[in-house]
mmCIF file of all heavy atoms, coordinates in Angstrom:
data_MODEL
# 
_entry.id   MODEL 
# 
loop_
_atom_site.group_PDB 
_atom_site.id 
_atom_site.type_symbol 
_atom_site.label_atom_id 
_atom_site.label_alt_id 
_atom_site.label_comp_id 
_atom_site.label_asym_id 
_atom_site.label_entity_id 
_atom_site.label_seq_id 
_atom_site.pdbx_PDB_ins_code 
_atom_site.Cartn_x 
_atom_site.Cartn_y 
_atom_site.Cartn_z 
_atom_site.occupancy 
_atom_site.B_iso_or_equiv 
_atom_site.pdbx_formal_charge 
_atom_site.auth_seq_id 
_atom_site.auth_comp_id 
_atom_site.auth_asym_id 
_atom_site.auth_atom_id 
_atom_site.pdbx_PDB_model_num 
ATOM 1   N N   . GLU A 1 1  ? 0.837  -1.201 0.001   1.00 0.00 ? 1  GLU A N   1 
ATOM 2   C CA  . GLU A 1 1  ? 0.001  -0.003 0.001   1.00 0.00 ? 1  GLU A CA  1 
ATOM 3   C C   . GLU A 1 1  ? 0.875  1.254  0.001   1.00 0.00 ? 1  GLU A C   1 
ATOM 4   O O   . GLU A 1 1  ? 1.980  1.269  0.557   1.00 0.00 ? 1  GLU A O   1 
ATOM 5   C CB  . GLU A 1 1  ? -0.907 0.016  1.230   1.00 0.00 ? 1  GLU A CB  1 
ATOM 6   C CG  . GLU A 1 1  ? -1.931 -1.105 1.281   1.00 0.00 ? 1  GLU A CG  1 
ATOM 7   C CD  . GLU A 1 1  ? -3.069 -0.896 0.295   1.00 0.00 ? 1  GLU A CD  1 
ATOM 8   O OE1 . GLU A 1 1  ? -3.207 0.241  -0.225  1.00 0.00 ? 1  GLU A OE1 1 
ATOM 9   O OE2 . GLU A 1 1  ? -3.808 -1.861 0.037   1.00 0.00 ? 1  GLU A OE2 1 
ATOM 10  N N   . ALA A 1 2  ? 0.387  2.290  -0.632  1.00 0.00 ? 2  ALA A N   1 
ATOM 11  C CA  . ALA A 1 2  ? 1.114  3.566  -0.657  1.00 0.00 ? 2  ALA A CA  1 
ATOM 12  C C   . ALA A 1 2  ? 1.244  4.108  0.755   1.00 0.00 ? 2  ALA A C   1 
ATOM 13  O O   . ALA A 1 2  ? 0.260  4.275  1.466   1.00 0.00 ? 2  ALA A O   1 
ATOM 14  C CB  . ALA A 1 2  ? 0.389  4.573  -1.542  1.00 0.00 ? 2  ALA A CB  1 
ATOM 15  N N   . ALA A 1 3  ? 2.487  4.367  1.171   1.00 0.00 ? 3  ALA A N   1 
ATOM 16  C CA  . ALA A 1 3  ? 2.753  4.822  2.534   1.00 0.00 ? 3  ALA A CA  1 
ATOM 17  C C   . ALA A 1 3  ? 4.126  5.468  2.581   1.00 0.00 ? 3  ALA A C   1 
ATOM 18  O O   . ALA A 1 3  ? 4.948  5.264  1.671   1.00 0.00 ? 3  ALA A O   1 
ATOM 19  C CB  . ALA A 1 3  ? 2.678  3.650  3.505   1.00 0.00 ? 3  ALA A CB  1 
ATOM 20  N N   . PRO A 1 4  ? 4.401  6.261  3.623   1.00 0.00 ? 4  PRO A N   1 
ATOM 21  C CA  . PRO A 1 4  ? 5.750  6.810  3.787   1.00 0.00 ? 4  PRO A CA  1 
ATOM 22  C C   . PRO A 1 4  ? 6.766  5.691  4.001   1.00 0.00 ? 4  PRO A C   1 
ATOM 23  O O   . PRO A 1 4  ? 6.426  4.581  4.414   1.00 0.00 ? 4  PRO A O   1 
ATOM 24  C CB  . PRO A 1 4  ? 5.626  7.699  5.027   1.00 0.00 ? 4  PRO A CB  1 
ATOM 25  C CG  . PRO A 1 4  ? 4.162  7.952  5.174   1.00 0.00 ? 4  PRO A CG  1 
ATOM 26  C CD  . PRO A 1 4  ? 3.471  6.743  4.665   1.00 0.00 ? 4  PRO A CD  1 
ATOM 27  N N   . VAL A 1 5  ? 8.020  5.977  3.698   1.00 0.00 ? 5  VAL A N   1 
ATOM 28  C CA  . VAL A 1 5  ? 9.078  4.993  3.872   1.00 0.00 ? 5  VAL A CA  1 
ATOM 29  C C   . VAL A 1 5  ? 9.697  5.132  5.249   1.00 0.00 ? 5  VAL A C   1 
ATOM 30  O O   . VAL A 1 5  ? 9.476  6.117  5.970   1.00 0.00 ? 5  VAL A O   1 
ATOM 31  C CB  . VAL A 1 5  ? 10.163 5.165  2.791   1.00 0.00 ? 5  VAL A CB  1 
ATOM 32  C CG1 . VAL A 1 5  ? 9.597  4.858  1.422   1.00 0.00 ? 5  VAL A CG1 1 
ATOM 33  C CG2 . VAL A 1 5  ? 10.746 6.584  2.816   1.00 0.00 ? 5  VAL A CG2 1 
ATOM 34  N N   . MET A 1 6  ? 10.480 4.148  5.637   1.00 0.00 ? 6  MET A N   1 
ATOM 35  C CA  . MET A 1 6  ? 11.162 4.172  6.924   1.00 0.00 ? 6  MET A CA  1 
ATOM 36  C C   . MET A 1 6  ? 12.181 5.310  6.972   1.00 0.00 ? 6  MET A C   1 
ATOM 37  O O   . MET A 1 6  ? 12.619 5.800  5.926   1.00 0.00 ? 6  MET A O   1 
ATOM 38  C CB  . MET A 1 6  ? 11.862 2.829  7.169   1.00 0.00 ? 6  MET A CB  1 
ATOM 39  C CG  . MET A 1 6  ? 12.976 2.531  6.202   1.00 0.00 ? 6  MET A CG  1 
ATOM 40  S SD  . MET A 1 6  ? 13.855 0.986  6.584   1.00 0.00 ? 6  MET A SD  1 
ATOM 41  C CE  . MET A 1 6  ? 12.555 -0.201 6.282   1.00 0.00 ? 6  MET A CE  1 
ATOM 42  N N   . PRO A 1 7  ? 12.557 5.762  8.175   1.00 0.00 ? 7  PRO A N   1 
ATOM 43  C CA  . PRO A 1 7  ? 13.464 6.922  8.279   1.00 0.00 ? 7  PRO A CA  1 
ATOM 44  C C   . PRO A 1 7  ? 14.771 6.753  7.516   1.00 0.00 ? 7  PRO A C   1 
ATOM 45  O O   . PRO A 1 7  ? 15.289 7.718  6.945   1.00 0.00 ? 7  PRO A O   1 
ATOM 46  C CB  . PRO A 1 7  ? 13.701 7.033  9.789   1.00 0.00 ? 7  PRO A CB  1 
ATOM 47  C CG  . PRO A 1 7  ? 12.473 6.444  10.408  1.00 0.00 ? 7  PRO A CG  1 
ATOM 48  C CD  . PRO A 1 7  ? 12.049 5.336  9.496   1.00 0.00 ? 7  PRO A CD  1 
ATOM 49  N N   . ALA A 1 8  ? 15.311 5.528  7.485   1.00 0.00 ? 8  ALA A N   1 
ATOM 50  C CA  . ALA A 1 8  ? 16.594 5.325  6.806   1.00 0.00 ? 8  ALA A CA  1 
ATOM 51  C C   . ALA A 1 8  ? 16.501 5.586  5.309   1.00 0.00 ? 8  ALA A C   1 
ATOM 52  O O   . ALA A 1 8  ? 17.505 5.890  4.658   1.00 0.00 ? 8  ALA A O   1 
ATOM 53  C CB  . ALA A 1 8  ? 17.096 3.907  7.052   1.00 0.00 ? 8  ALA A CB  1 
ATOM 54  N N   . LEU A 1 9  ? 15.300 5.470  4.750   1.00 0.00 ? 9  LEU A N   1 
ATOM 55  C CA  . LEU A 1 9  ? 15.119 5.684  3.315   1.00 0.00 ? 9  LEU A CA  1 
ATOM 56  C C   . LEU A 1 9  ? 14.769 7.110  2.958   1.00 0.00 ? 9  LEU A C   1 
ATOM 57  O O   . LEU A 1 9  ? 14.674 7.441  1.781   1.00 0.00 ? 9  LEU A O   1 
ATOM 58  C CB  . LEU A 1 9  ? 14.033 4.741  2.788   1.00 0.00 ? 9  LEU A CB  1 
ATOM 59  C CG  . LEU A 1 9  ? 14.295 3.241  2.926   1.00 0.00 ? 9  LEU A CG  1 
ATOM 60  C CD1 . LEU A 1 9  ? 13.125 2.442  2.372   1.00 0.00 ? 9  LEU A CD1 1 
ATOM 61  C CD2 . LEU A 1 9  ? 15.594 2.842  2.223   1.00 0.00 ? 9  LEU A CD2 1 
ATOM 62  N N   . ARG A 1 10 ? 14.551 7.946  3.979   1.00 0.00 ? 10 ARG A N   1 
ATOM 63  C CA  . ARG A 1 10 ? 14.225 9.348  3.709   1.00 0.00 ? 10 ARG A CA  1 
ATOM 64  C C   . ARG A 1 10 ? 15.508 10.128 3.473   1.00 0.00 ? 10 ARG A C   1 
ATOM 65  O O   . ARG A 1 10 ? 15.969 10.900 4.311   1.00 0.00 ? 10 ARG A O   1 
ATOM 66  C CB  . ARG A 1 10 ? 13.443 9.939  4.881   1.00 0.00 ? 10 ARG A CB  1 
ATOM 67  C CG  . ARG A 1 10 ? 12.080 9.280  5.081   1.00 0.00 ? 10 ARG A CG  1 
ATOM 68  C CD  . ARG A 1 10 ? 11.415 9.740  6.352   1.00 0.00 ? 10 ARG A CD  1 
ATOM 69  N NE  . ARG A 1 10 ? 10.204 8.979  6.642   1.00 0.00 ? 10 ARG A NE  1 
ATOM 70  C CZ  . ARG A 1 10 ? 9.553  9.028  7.798   1.00 0.00 ? 10 ARG A CZ  1 
ATOM 71  N NH1 . ARG A 1 10 ? 10.001 9.824  8.789   1.00 0.00 ? 10 ARG A NH1 1 
ATOM 72  N NH2 . ARG A 1 10 ? 8.477  8.289  7.995   1.00 0.00 ? 10 ARG A NH2 1 
ATOM 73  N N   . SER A 1 11 ? 16.091 9.911  2.318   1.00 0.00 ? 11 SER A N   1 
ATOM 74  C CA  . SER A 1 11 ? 17.377 10.502 2.000   1.00 0.00 ? 11 SER A CA  1 
ATOM 75  C C   . SER A 1 11 ? 17.435 10.785 0.510   1.00 0.00 ? 11 SER A C   1 
ATOM 76  O O   . SER A 1 11 ? 16.743 10.152 -0.289  1.00 0.00 ? 11 SER A O   1 
ATOM 77  C CB  . SER A 1 11 ? 18.518 9.554  2.407   1.00 0.00 ? 11 SER A CB  1 
ATOM 78  O OG  . SER A 1 11 ? 19.753 9.990  1.891   1.00 0.00 ? 11 SER A OG  1 
ATOM 79  N N   . TYR A 1 12 ? 18.261 11.766 0.140   1.00 0.00 ? 12 TYR A N   1 
ATOM 80  C CA  . TYR A 1 12 ? 18.427 12.054 -1.272  1.00 0.00 ? 12 TYR A CA  1 
ATOM 81  C C   . TYR A 1 12 ? 19.116 10.899 -1.987  1.00 0.00 ? 12 TYR A C   1 
ATOM 82  O O   . TYR A 1 12 ? 19.067 10.794 -3.210  1.00 0.00 ? 12 TYR A O   1 
ATOM 83  C CB  . TYR A 1 12 ? 19.231 13.347 -1.460  1.00 0.00 ? 12 TYR A CB  1 
ATOM 84  C CG  . TYR A 1 12 ? 20.604 13.319 -0.859  1.00 0.00 ? 12 TYR A CG  1 
ATOM 85  C CD1 . TYR A 1 12 ? 21.687 12.837 -1.580  1.00 0.00 ? 12 TYR A CD1 1 
ATOM 86  C CD2 . TYR A 1 12 ? 20.833 13.792 0.431   1.00 0.00 ? 12 TYR A CD2 1 
ATOM 87  C CE1 . TYR A 1 12 ? 22.960 12.818 -1.040  1.00 0.00 ? 12 TYR A CE1 1 
ATOM 88  C CE2 . TYR A 1 12 ? 22.088 13.783 0.994   1.00 0.00 ? 12 TYR A CE2 1 
ATOM 89  C CZ  . TYR A 1 12 ? 23.152 13.294 0.262   1.00 0.00 ? 12 TYR A CZ  1 
ATOM 90  O OH  . TYR A 1 12 ? 24.402 13.266 0.804   1.00 0.00 ? 12 TYR A OH  1 
ATOM 91  N N   . TRP A 1 13 ? 19.755 9.992  -1.214  1.00 0.00 ? 13 TRP A N   1 
ATOM 92  C CA  . TRP A 1 13 ? 20.364 8.825  -1.819  1.00 0.00 ? 13 TRP A CA  1 
ATOM 93  C C   . TRP A 1 13 ? 19.321 7.902  -2.439  1.00 0.00 ? 13 TRP A C   1 
ATOM 94  O O   . TRP A 1 13 ? 19.635 7.113  -3.321  1.00 0.00 ? 13 TRP A O   1 
ATOM 95  C CB  . TRP A 1 13 ? 21.201 8.048  -0.800  1.00 0.00 ? 13 TRP A CB  1 
ATOM 96  C CG  . TRP A 1 13 ? 22.461 8.739  -0.416  1.00 0.00 ? 13 TRP A CG  1 
ATOM 97  C CD1 . TRP A 1 13 ? 22.770 9.282  0.797   1.00 0.00 ? 13 TRP A CD1 1 
ATOM 98  C CD2 . TRP A 1 13 ? 23.597 8.974  -1.254  1.00 0.00 ? 13 TRP A CD2 1 
ATOM 99  N NE1 . TRP A 1 13 ? 24.019 9.841  0.764   1.00 0.00 ? 13 TRP A NE1 1 
ATOM 100 C CE2 . TRP A 1 13 ? 24.550 9.663  -0.478  1.00 0.00 ? 13 TRP A CE2 1 
ATOM 101 C CE3 . TRP A 1 13 ? 23.893 8.680  -2.581  1.00 0.00 ? 13 TRP A CE3 1 
ATOM 102 C CZ2 . TRP A 1 13 ? 25.782 10.060 -0.991  1.00 0.00 ? 13 TRP A CZ2 1 
ATOM 103 C CZ3 . TRP A 1 13 ? 25.117 9.070  -3.092  1.00 0.00 ? 13 TRP A CZ3 1 
ATOM 104 C CH2 . TRP A 1 13 ? 26.049 9.752  -2.304  1.00 0.00 ? 13 TRP A CH2 1 
ATOM 105 N N   . LEU A 1 14 ? 18.085 7.994  -1.961  1.00 0.00 ? 14 LEU A N   1 
ATOM 106 C CA  . LEU A 1 14 ? 17.013 7.206  -2.573  1.00 0.00 ? 14 LEU A CA  1 
ATOM 107 C C   . LEU A 1 14 ? 16.839 7.592  -4.035  1.00 0.00 ? 14 LEU A C   1 
ATOM 108 O O   . LEU A 1 14 ? 16.633 6.727  -4.901  1.00 0.00 ? 14 LEU A O   1 
ATOM 109 C CB  . LEU A 1 14 ? 15.701 7.410  -1.814  1.00 0.00 ? 14 LEU A CB  1 
ATOM 110 C CG  . LEU A 1 14 ? 14.485 6.645  -2.358  1.00 0.00 ? 14 LEU A CG  1 
ATOM 111 C CD1 . LEU A 1 14 ? 14.672 5.152  -2.164  1.00 0.00 ? 14 LEU A CD1 1 
ATOM 112 C CD2 . LEU A 1 14 ? 13.204 7.105  -1.662  1.00 0.00 ? 14 LEU A CD2 1 
ATOM 113 N N   . ALA A 1 15 ? 16.929 8.886  -4.301  1.00 0.00 ? 15 ALA A N   1 
ATOM 114 C CA  . ALA A 1 15 ? 16.807 9.352  -5.688  1.00 0.00 ? 15 ALA A CA  1 
ATOM 115 C C   . ALA A 1 15 ? 18.050 9.013  -6.506  1.00 0.00 ? 15 ALA A C   1 
ATOM 116 O O   . ALA A 1 15 ? 17.951 8.632  -7.666  1.00 0.00 ? 15 ALA A O   1 
ATOM 117 C CB  . ALA A 1 15 ? 16.555 10.857 -5.703  1.00 0.00 ? 15 ALA A CB  1 
ATOM 118 N N   . VAL A 1 16 ? 19.227 9.103  -5.885  1.00 0.00 ? 16 VAL A N   1 
ATOM 119 C CA  . VAL A 1 16 ? 20.469 8.899  -6.621  1.00 0.00 ? 16 VAL A CA  1 
ATOM 120 C C   . VAL A 1 16 ? 20.729 7.412  -6.851  1.00 0.00 ? 16 VAL A C   1 
ATOM 121 O O   . VAL A 1 16 ? 20.866 6.944  -7.999  1.00 0.00 ? 16 VAL A O   1 
ATOM 122 C CB  . VAL A 1 16 ? 21.648 9.541  -5.863  1.00 0.00 ? 16 VAL A CB  1 
ATOM 123 C CG1 . VAL A 1 16 ? 22.960 9.257  -6.582  1.00 0.00 ? 16 VAL A CG1 1 
ATOM 124 C CG2 . VAL A 1 16 ? 21.435 11.032 -5.715  1.00 0.00 ? 16 VAL A CG2 1 
ATOM 125 N N   . HIS A 1 17 ? 20.785 6.649  -5.765  1.00 0.00 ? 17 HIS A N   1 
ATOM 126 C CA  . HIS A 1 17 ? 21.157 5.240  -5.868  1.00 0.00 ? 17 HIS A CA  1 
ATOM 127 C C   . HIS A 1 17 ? 20.084 4.406  -6.576  1.00 0.00 ? 17 HIS A C   1 
ATOM 128 O O   . HIS A 1 17 ? 20.377 3.680  -7.530  1.00 0.00 ? 17 HIS A O   1 
ATOM 129 C CB  . HIS A 1 17 ? 21.413 4.682  -4.465  1.00 0.00 ? 17 HIS A CB  1 
ATOM 130 C CG  . HIS A 1 17 ? 21.434 3.191  -4.402  1.00 0.00 ? 17 HIS A CG  1 
ATOM 131 N ND1 . HIS A 1 17 ? 22.401 2.438  -5.018  1.00 0.00 ? 17 HIS A ND1 1 
ATOM 132 C CD2 . HIS A 1 17 ? 20.586 2.297  -3.791  1.00 0.00 ? 17 HIS A CD2 1 
ATOM 133 C CE1 . HIS A 1 17 ? 22.168 1.149  -4.807  1.00 0.00 ? 17 HIS A CE1 1 
ATOM 134 N NE2 . HIS A 1 17 ? 21.072 1.044  -4.070  1.00 0.00 ? 17 HIS A NE2 1 
ATOM 135 N N   . VAL A 1 18 ? 18.843 4.507  -6.121  1.00 0.00 ? 18 VAL A N   1 
ATOM 136 C CA  . VAL A 1 18 ? 17.794 3.656  -6.671  1.00 0.00 ? 18 VAL A CA  1 
ATOM 137 C C   . VAL A 1 18 ? 17.454 4.056  -8.102  1.00 0.00 ? 18 VAL A C   1 
ATOM 138 O O   . VAL A 1 18 ? 17.125 3.199  -8.930  1.00 0.00 ? 18 VAL A O   1 
ATOM 139 C CB  . VAL A 1 18 ? 16.548 3.689  -5.778  1.00 0.00 ? 18 VAL A CB  1 
ATOM 140 C CG1 . VAL A 1 18 ? 15.506 2.702  -6.272  1.00 0.00 ? 18 VAL A CG1 1 
ATOM 141 C CG2 . VAL A 1 18 ? 16.912 3.355  -4.337  1.00 0.00 ? 18 VAL A CG2 1 
ATOM 142 N N   . SER A 1 19 ? 17.536 5.342  -8.421  1.00 0.00 ? 19 SER A N   1 
ATOM 143 C CA  . SER A 1 19 ? 17.299 5.745  -9.799  1.00 0.00 ? 19 SER A CA  1 
ATOM 144 C C   . SER A 1 19 ? 18.334 5.132  -10.733 1.00 0.00 ? 19 SER A C   1 
ATOM 145 O O   . SER A 1 19 ? 17.987 4.621  -11.814 1.00 0.00 ? 19 SER A O   1 
ATOM 146 C CB  . SER A 1 19 ? 17.326 7.272  -9.913  1.00 0.00 ? 19 SER A CB  1 
ATOM 147 O OG  . SER A 1 19 ? 16.285 7.865  -9.167  1.00 0.00 ? 19 SER A OG  1 
ATOM 148 N N   . ALA A 1 20 ? 19.598 5.167  -10.324 1.00 0.00 ? 20 ALA A N   1 
ATOM 149 C CA  . ALA A 1 20 ? 20.646 4.562  -11.149 1.00 0.00 ? 20 ALA A CA  1 
ATOM 150 C C   . ALA A 1 20 ? 20.443 3.054  -11.280 1.00 0.00 ? 20 ALA A C   1 
ATOM 151 O O   . ALA A 1 20 ? 20.590 2.484  -12.367 1.00 0.00 ? 20 ALA A O   1 
ATOM 152 C CB  . ALA A 1 20 ? 22.022 4.862  -10.544 1.00 0.00 ? 20 ALA A CB  1 
ATOM 153 N N   . ALA A 1 21 ? 20.087 2.402  -10.174 1.00 0.00 ? 21 ALA A N   1 
ATOM 154 C CA  . ALA A 1 21 ? 19.843 0.954  -10.236 1.00 0.00 ? 21 ALA A CA  1 
ATOM 155 C C   . ALA A 1 21 ? 18.657 0.615  -11.129 1.00 0.00 ? 21 ALA A C   1 
ATOM 156 O O   . ALA A 1 21 ? 18.670 -0.384 -11.847 1.00 0.00 ? 21 ALA A O   1 
ATOM 157 C CB  . ALA A 1 21 ? 19.619 0.418  -8.825  1.00 0.00 ? 21 ALA A CB  1 
ATOM 158 N N   . THR A 1 22 ? 17.629 1.447  -11.087 1.00 0.00 ? 22 THR A N   1 
ATOM 159 C CA  . THR A 1 22 ? 16.442 1.209  -11.913 1.00 0.00 ? 22 THR A CA  1 
ATOM 160 C C   . THR A 1 22 ? 16.767 1.352  -13.391 1.00 0.00 ? 22 THR A C   1 
ATOM 161 O O   . THR A 1 22 ? 16.388 0.499  -14.210 1.00 0.00 ? 22 THR A O   1 
ATOM 162 C CB  . THR A 1 22 ? 15.334 2.201  -11.522 1.00 0.00 ? 22 THR A CB  1 
ATOM 163 O OG1 . THR A 1 22 ? 14.983 2.012  -10.144 1.00 0.00 ? 22 THR A OG1 1 
ATOM 164 C CG2 . THR A 1 22 ? 14.100 2.005  -12.396 1.00 0.00 ? 22 THR A CG2 1 
ATOM 165 N N   . ILE A 1 23 ? 17.459 2.415  -13.754 1.00 0.00 ? 23 ILE A N   1 
ATOM 166 C CA  . ILE A 1 23 ? 17.817 2.629  -15.161 1.00 0.00 ? 23 ILE A CA  1 
ATOM 167 C C   . ILE A 1 23 ? 18.684 1.490  -15.675 1.00 0.00 ? 23 ILE A C   1 
ATOM 168 O O   . ILE A 1 23 ? 18.437 0.924  -16.748 1.00 0.00 ? 23 ILE A O   1 
ATOM 169 C CB  . ILE A 1 23 ? 18.533 3.982  -15.323 1.00 0.00 ? 23 ILE A CB  1 
ATOM 170 C CG1 . ILE A 1 23 ? 17.574 5.124  -14.993 1.00 0.00 ? 23 ILE A CG1 1 
ATOM 171 C CG2 . ILE A 1 23 ? 19.091 4.144  -16.738 1.00 0.00 ? 23 ILE A CG2 1 
ATOM 172 C CD1 . ILE A 1 23 ? 18.244 6.482  -14.924 1.00 0.00 ? 23 ILE A CD1 1 
ATOM 173 N N   . ALA A 1 24 ? 19.705 1.134  -14.893 1.00 0.00 ? 24 ALA A N   1 
ATOM 174 C CA  . ALA A 1 24 ? 20.604 0.066  -15.328 1.00 0.00 ? 24 ALA A CA  1 
ATOM 175 C C   . ALA A 1 24 ? 19.893 -1.269 -15.424 1.00 0.00 ? 24 ALA A C   1 
ATOM 176 O O   . ALA A 1 24 ? 20.107 -2.037 -16.377 1.00 0.00 ? 24 ALA A O   1 
ATOM 177 C CB  . ALA A 1 24 ? 21.788 -0.033 -14.361 1.00 0.00 ? 24 ALA A CB  1 
ATOM 178 N N   . SER A 1 25 ? 19.029 -1.580 -14.475 1.00 0.00 ? 25 SER A N   1 
ATOM 179 C CA  . SER A 1 25 ? 18.331 -2.867 -14.491 1.00 0.00 ? 25 SER A CA  1 
ATOM 180 C C   . SER A 1 25 ? 17.398 -2.973 -15.693 1.00 0.00 ? 25 SER A C   1 
ATOM 181 O O   . SER A 1 25 ? 17.290 -4.033 -16.324 1.00 0.00 ? 25 SER A O   1 
ATOM 182 C CB  . SER A 1 25 ? 17.542 -3.040 -13.199 1.00 0.00 ? 25 SER A CB  1 
ATOM 183 O OG  . SER A 1 25 ? 18.392 -3.058 -12.079 1.00 0.00 ? 25 SER A OG  1 
ATOM 184 N N   . GLY A 1 26 ? 16.701 -1.886 -16.019 1.00 0.00 ? 26 GLY A N   1 
ATOM 185 C CA  . GLY A 1 26 ? 15.831 -1.913 -17.186 1.00 0.00 ? 26 GLY A CA  1 
ATOM 186 C C   . GLY A 1 26 ? 16.609 -2.126 -18.474 1.00 0.00 ? 26 GLY A C   1 
ATOM 187 O O   . GLY A 1 26 ? 16.192 -2.912 -19.344 1.00 0.00 ? 26 GLY A O   1 
ATOM 188 N N   . LEU A 1 27 ? 17.743 -1.461 -18.614 1.00 0.00 ? 27 LEU A N   1 
ATOM 189 C CA  . LEU A 1 27 ? 18.571 -1.648 -19.798 1.00 0.00 ? 27 LEU A CA  1 
ATOM 190 C C   . LEU A 1 27 ? 19.128 -3.068 -19.869 1.00 0.00 ? 27 LEU A C   1 
ATOM 191 O O   . LEU A 1 27 ? 19.140 -3.695 -20.939 1.00 0.00 ? 27 LEU A O   1 
ATOM 192 C CB  . LEU A 1 27 ? 19.719 -0.643 -19.789 1.00 0.00 ? 27 LEU A CB  1 
ATOM 193 C CG  . LEU A 1 27 ? 19.360 0.813  -20.065 1.00 0.00 ? 27 LEU A CG  1 
ATOM 194 C CD1 . LEU A 1 27 ? 20.518 1.740  -19.725 1.00 0.00 ? 27 LEU A CD1 1 
ATOM 195 C CD2 . LEU A 1 27 ? 18.969 0.990  -21.526 1.00 0.00 ? 27 LEU A CD2 1 
ATOM 196 N N   . LEU A 1 28 ? 19.562 -3.592 -18.730 1.00 0.00 ? 28 LEU A N   1 
ATOM 197 C CA  . LEU A 1 28 ? 20.126 -4.937 -18.708 1.00 0.00 ? 28 LEU A CA  1 
ATOM 198 C C   . LEU A 1 28 ? 19.070 -6.001 -18.983 1.00 0.00 ? 28 LEU A C   1 
ATOM 199 O O   . LEU A 1 28 ? 19.396 -7.087 -19.481 1.00 0.00 ? 28 LEU A O   1 
ATOM 200 C CB  . LEU A 1 28 ? 20.805 -5.196 -17.359 1.00 0.00 ? 28 LEU A CB  1 
ATOM 201 C CG  . LEU A 1 28 ? 22.094 -4.411 -17.125 1.00 0.00 ? 28 LEU A CG  1 
ATOM 202 C CD1 . LEU A 1 28 ? 22.599 -4.612 -15.702 1.00 0.00 ? 28 LEU A CD1 1 
ATOM 203 C CD2 . LEU A 1 28 ? 23.167 -4.828 -18.129 1.00 0.00 ? 28 LEU A CD2 1 
# 
């Protein structure tokens, strides 16, 4: 269900790291 994430995930690294992983995984 749509909900806020845990405190450890409330970081700009969520946008940087997971975005890069998502783009690379889709291409791969």
